[in-house]
Amino acid sequence: MWYGEYNHTLDEKDRFILPAKFREKIKSFKRKKFYVTRGLEGCLFMFHQDVWRTLEEKLKTLSFTKQQSRSFNRLYFSGACEITVDSQGRVAIPEYLKTYADMYRDVVIIGVADRIEVWSKKRWSTFFTENSKKFEDVAEDLF
């Protein structure tokens, strides 16, 4: 659904413009609501509301009696906010998520199938450098 890597910059209102390919896809949606939350490895996860609802139902089935489940759900859902992509394809990032992701100017937007990830350029560069070296080994282990 979402694919590719794109470099963008936050504007003075802490907004970034979604890539043109993403904006075209969003135009076809009846609902333009998304959810952004704390992601893993210091990025932000952005889900279309339909995918978010499916994920939410799955996470609600985790046992609240298990400490790891409670901790994950607390951090994940407390960080979430509902957003709407504006008519020009811009997305505003709340300050607390910007701080979490160490995002101050340059951002990298990547499509990861069912979600969009938003990274600070510095964190993405570090992640990519560290993990691209292991890409083939990981592929061999997974498949």
C-alpha atoms as a PDB file:
ATOM      1  CA  MET A   1       0.000   0.000   0.000  1.00  0.00           C
ATOM      2  CA  TRP A   2       2.749   2.501   0.995  1.00  0.00           C
ATOM      3  CA  TYR A   3       6.190   2.178  -0.581  1.00  0.00           C
ATOM      4  CA  GLY A   4       9.345   4.214  -1.072  1.00  0.00           C
ATOM      5  CA  GLU A   5      11.683   6.615   0.703  1.00  0.00           C
ATOM      6  CA  TYR A   6      11.280  10.389   0.516  1.00  0.00           C
ATOM      7  CA  ASN A   7      13.133  13.333   2.053  1.00  0.00           C
ATOM      8  CA  HIS A   8      11.191  16.340   3.294  1.00  0.00           C
ATOM      9  CA  THR A   9      11.541  19.275   5.678  1.00  0.00           C
ATOM     10  CA  LEU A  10       9.285  20.406   8.508  1.00  0.00           C
ATOM     11  CA  ASP A  11       7.887  23.866   7.911  1.00  0.00           C
ATOM     12  CA  GLU A  12       7.537  26.631  10.529  1.00  0.00           C
ATOM     13  CA  LYS A  13       4.286  25.019  11.772  1.00  0.00           C
ATOM     14  CA  ASP A  14       5.928  21.590  12.231  1.00  0.00           C
ATOM     15  CA  ARG A  15       4.232  20.154   9.145  1.00  0.00           C
ATOM     16  CA  PHE A  16       5.648  18.018   6.394  1.00  0.00           C
ATOM     17  CA  ILE A  17       4.190  17.358   2.974  1.00  0.00           C
ATOM     18  CA  LEU A  18       3.418  13.763   2.143  1.00  0.00           C
ATOM     19  CA  PRO A  19       5.045  12.468  -1.038  1.00  0.00           C
ATOM     20  CA  ALA A  20       3.008  12.975  -4.218  1.00  0.00           C
ATOM     21  CA  LYS A  21       2.465   9.215  -4.618  1.00  0.00           C
ATOM     22  CA  PHE A  22       0.984   9.052  -1.120  1.00  0.00           C
ATOM     23  CA  ARG A  23      -1.225  12.094  -1.737  1.00  0.00           C
ATOM     24  CA  GLU A  24      -2.607  10.496  -4.903  1.00  0.00           C
ATOM     25  CA  LYS A  25      -3.489   7.335  -3.001  1.00  0.00           C
ATOM     26  CA  ILE A  26      -5.130   9.343  -0.193  1.00  0.00           C
ATOM     27  CA  LYS A  27      -7.366  11.122  -2.732  1.00  0.00           C
ATOM     28  CA  SER A  28      -8.989   7.760  -3.459  1.00  0.00           C
ATOM     29  CA  PHE A  29      -9.915   7.184   0.199  1.00  0.00           C
ATOM     30  CA  LYS A  30     -13.379   8.043   1.442  1.00  0.00           C
ATOM     31  CA  ARG A  31     -11.916   8.848   4.861  1.00  0.00           C
ATOM     32  CA  LYS A  32      -8.759  10.922   5.157  1.00  0.00           C
ATOM     33  CA  LYS A  33      -8.194  10.335   8.864  1.00  0.00           C
ATOM     34  CA  PHE A  34      -4.882   8.920  10.076  1.00  0.00           C
ATOM     35  CA  TYR A  35      -3.338   8.093  13.425  1.00  0.00           C
ATOM     36  CA  VAL A  36       0.247   8.888  14.342  1.00  0.00           C
ATOM     37  CA  THR A  37       1.980   7.353  17.341  1.00  0.00           C
ATOM     38  CA  ARG A  38       5.341   6.437  18.785  1.00  0.00           C
ATOM     39  CA  GLY A  39       6.987   3.878  16.573  1.00  0.00           C
ATOM     40  CA  LEU A  40       9.886   1.563  17.203  1.00  0.00           C
ATOM     41  CA  GLU A  41      13.560   2.505  16.856  1.00  0.00           C
ATOM     42  CA  GLY A  42      12.660   6.151  17.452  1.00  0.00           C
ATOM     43  CA  CYS A  43      10.451   6.800  14.432  1.00  0.00           C
ATOM     44  CA  LEU A  44       6.762   7.652  14.205  1.00  0.00           C
ATOM     45  CA  PHE A  45       4.156   5.242  12.850  1.00  0.00           C
ATOM     46  CA  MET A  46       1.326   6.659  10.768  1.00  0.00           C
ATOM     47  CA  PHE A  47      -1.690   4.482   9.957  1.00  0.00           C
ATOM     48  CA  HIS A  48      -4.775   5.109   7.866  1.00  0.00           C
ATOM     49  CA  GLN A  49      -7.792   4.851  10.176  1.00  0.00           C
ATOM     50  CA  ASP A  50      -8.947   1.513   8.724  1.00  0.00           C
ATOM     51  CA  VAL A  51      -5.590  -0.133   9.435  1.00  0.00           C
ATOM     52  CA  TRP A  52      -5.446   1.581  12.843  1.00  0.00           C
ATOM     53  CA  ARG A  53      -8.819   0.118  13.861  1.00  0.00           C
ATOM     54  CA  THR A  54      -7.691  -3.397  12.907  1.00  0.00           C
ATOM     55  CA  LEU A  55      -4.460  -3.006  14.855  1.00  0.00           C
ATOM     56  CA  GLU A  56      -6.322  -1.496  17.806  1.00  0.00           C
ATOM     57  CA  GLU A  57      -8.620  -4.525  17.992  1.00  0.00           C
ATOM     58  CA  LYS A  58      -5.629  -6.863  17.951  1.00  0.00           C
ATOM     59  CA  LEU A  59      -3.798  -4.947  20.689  1.00  0.00           C
ATOM     60  CA  LYS A  60      -6.924  -4.867  22.847  1.00  0.00           C
ATOM     61  CA  THR A  61      -6.799  -8.676  22.981  1.00  0.00           C
ATOM     62  CA  LEU A  62      -3.453  -8.603  24.797  1.00  0.00           C
ATOM     63  CA  SER A  63      -3.826  -9.593  28.418  1.00  0.00           C
ATOM     64  CA  PHE A  64      -3.958  -6.577  30.716  1.00  0.00           C
ATOM     65  CA  THR A  65      -2.683  -8.814  33.519  1.00  0.00           C
ATOM     66  CA  LYS A  66       0.713  -9.069  31.807  1.00  0.00           C
ATOM     67  CA  GLN A  67       3.074  -6.219  32.585  1.00  0.00           C
ATOM     68  CA  GLN A  68       4.603  -6.131  29.073  1.00  0.00           C
ATOM     69  CA  SER A  69       1.174  -5.855  27.471  1.00  0.00           C
ATOM     70  CA  ARG A  70       0.149  -3.022  29.769  1.00  0.00           C
ATOM     71  CA  SER A  71       3.409  -1.162  29.231  1.00  0.00           C
ATOM     72  CA  PHE A  72       3.300  -1.494  25.459  1.00  0.00           C
ATOM     73  CA  ASN A  73      -0.339  -0.431  25.194  1.00  0.00           C
ATOM     74  CA  ARG A  74       0.188   2.522  27.527  1.00  0.00           C
ATOM     75  CA  LEU A  75       3.125   3.869  25.549  1.00  0.00           C
ATOM     76  CA  TYR A  76       1.598   3.091  22.172  1.00  0.00           C
ATOM     77  CA  PHE A  77      -1.892   4.489  22.729  1.00  0.00           C
ATOM     78  CA  SER A  78      -0.901   7.413  24.961  1.00  0.00           C
ATOM     79  CA  GLY A  79       1.345   8.599  22.151  1.00  0.00           C
ATOM     80  CA  ALA A  80      -1.357   8.359  19.523  1.00  0.00           C
ATOM     81  CA  CYS A  81      -3.119  11.301  17.980  1.00  0.00           C
ATOM     82  CA  GLU A  82      -5.716  11.566  15.267  1.00  0.00           C
ATOM     83  CA  ILE A  83      -4.724  13.670  12.286  1.00  0.00           C
ATOM     84  CA  THR A  84      -6.247  14.684   8.994  1.00  0.00           C
ATOM     85  CA  VAL A  85      -4.109  15.305   5.959  1.00  0.00           C
ATOM     86  CA  ASP A  86      -4.926  18.821   4.760  1.00  0.00           C
ATOM     87  CA  SER A  87      -5.898  19.702   1.194  1.00  0.00           C
ATOM     88  CA  GLN A  88      -2.257  20.329   0.276  1.00  0.00           C
ATOM     89  CA  GLY A  89      -1.095  16.976   1.641  1.00  0.00           C
ATOM     90  CA  ARG A  90       0.459  18.397   4.813  1.00  0.00           C
ATOM     91  CA  VAL A  91       0.612  16.644   8.156  1.00  0.00           C
ATOM     92  CA  ALA A  92       1.223  18.466  11.457  1.00  0.00           C
ATOM     93  CA  ILE A  93       3.319  16.671  14.066  1.00  0.00           C
ATOM     94  CA  PRO A  94       2.538  17.378  17.739  1.00  0.00           C
ATOM     95  CA  GLU A  95       5.458  18.623  19.821  1.00  0.00           C
ATOM     96  CA  TYR A  96       5.618  15.532  22.064  1.00  0.00           C
ATOM     97  CA  LEU A  97       5.954  13.235  19.036  1.00  0.00           C
ATOM     98  CA  LYS A  98       8.503  15.527  17.435  1.00  0.00           C
ATOM     99  CA  THR A  99      10.551  15.339  20.633  1.00  0.00           C
ATOM    100  CA  TYR A 100      10.179  11.543  20.841  1.00  0.00           C
ATOM    101  CA  ALA A 101      11.429  11.135  17.271  1.00  0.00           C
ATOM    102  CA  ASP A 102      14.198  13.755  17.606  1.00  0.00           C
ATOM    103  CA  MET A 103      12.600  15.503  14.641  1.00  0.00           C
ATOM    104  CA  TYR A 104      13.504  19.142  14.199  1.00  0.00           C
ATOM    105  CA  ARG A 105      13.916  19.907  10.520  1.00  0.00           C
ATOM    106  CA  ASP A 106      14.831  17.229   7.992  1.00  0.00           C
ATOM    107  CA  VAL A 107      12.609  14.157   7.910  1.00  0.00           C
ATOM    108  CA  VAL A 108      12.509  10.951   5.931  1.00  0.00           C
ATOM    109  CA  ILE A 109       9.140   9.442   5.086  1.00  0.00           C
ATOM    110  CA  ILE A 110       9.104   5.774   4.206  1.00  0.00           C
ATOM    111  CA  GLY A 111       6.334   3.457   3.120  1.00  0.00           C
ATOM    112  CA  VAL A 112       6.321   0.122   4.938  1.00  0.00           C
ATOM    113  CA  ALA A 113       3.365  -1.723   3.365  1.00  0.00           C
ATOM    114  CA  ASP A 114       0.461  -0.970   5.756  1.00  0.00           C
ATOM    115  CA  ARG A 115       2.031   2.014   7.523  1.00  0.00           C
ATOM    116  CA  ILE A 116       3.976   5.175   6.860  1.00  0.00           C
ATOM    117  CA  GLU A 117       7.022   5.787   9.028  1.00  0.00           C
ATOM    118  CA  VAL A 118       8.389   9.268   9.682  1.00  0.00           C
ATOM    119  CA  TRP A 119      12.018   9.504  10.810  1.00  0.00           C
ATOM    120  CA  SER A 120      14.405  12.282  11.626  1.00  0.00           C
ATOM    121  CA  LYS A 121      16.963  12.258   8.822  1.00  0.00           C
ATOM    122  CA  LYS A 122      19.759  11.597  11.314  1.00  0.00           C
ATOM    123  CA  ARG A 123      18.042   8.598  12.916  1.00  0.00           C
ATOM    124  CA  TRP A 124      17.072   7.117   9.550  1.00  0.00           C
ATOM    125  CA  SER A 125      20.634   7.456   8.287  1.00  0.00           C
ATOM    126  CA  THR A 126      21.961   5.659  11.377  1.00  0.00           C
ATOM    127  CA  PHE A 127      19.308   2.937  11.163  1.00  0.00           C
ATOM    128  CA  PHE A 128      19.888   2.428   7.442  1.00  0.00           C
ATOM    129  CA  THR A 129      23.671   2.268   7.780  1.00  0.00           C
ATOM    130  CA  GLU A 130      23.549  -0.211  10.651  1.00  0.00           C
ATOM    131  CA  ASN A 131      20.893  -2.452   9.158  1.00  0.00           C
ATOM    132  CA  SER A 132      21.643  -2.431   5.452  1.00  0.00           C
ATOM    133  CA  LYS A 133      24.857  -4.326   6.207  1.00  0.00           C
ATOM    134  CA  LYS A 134      22.768  -7.126   7.751  1.00  0.00           C
ATOM    135  CA  PHE A 135      19.993  -7.103   5.148  1.00  0.00           C
ATOM    136  CA  GLU A 136      21.017 -10.287   3.355  1.00  0.00           C
ATOM    137  CA  ASP A 137      21.691 -12.174   6.583  1.00  0.00           C
ATOM    138  CA  VAL A 138      18.306 -11.191   7.980  1.00  0.00           C
ATOM    139  CA  ALA A 139      16.615 -12.227   4.715  1.00  0.00           C
ATOM    140  CA  GLU A 140      18.317 -15.602   4.887  1.00  0.00           C
ATOM    141  CA  ASP A 141      17.167 -16.133   8.483  1.00  0.00           C
ATOM    142  CA  LEU A 142      13.595 -15.001   7.818  1.00  0.00           C
ATOM    143  CA  PHE A 143      13.017 -16.939   4.621  1.00  0.00           C
END
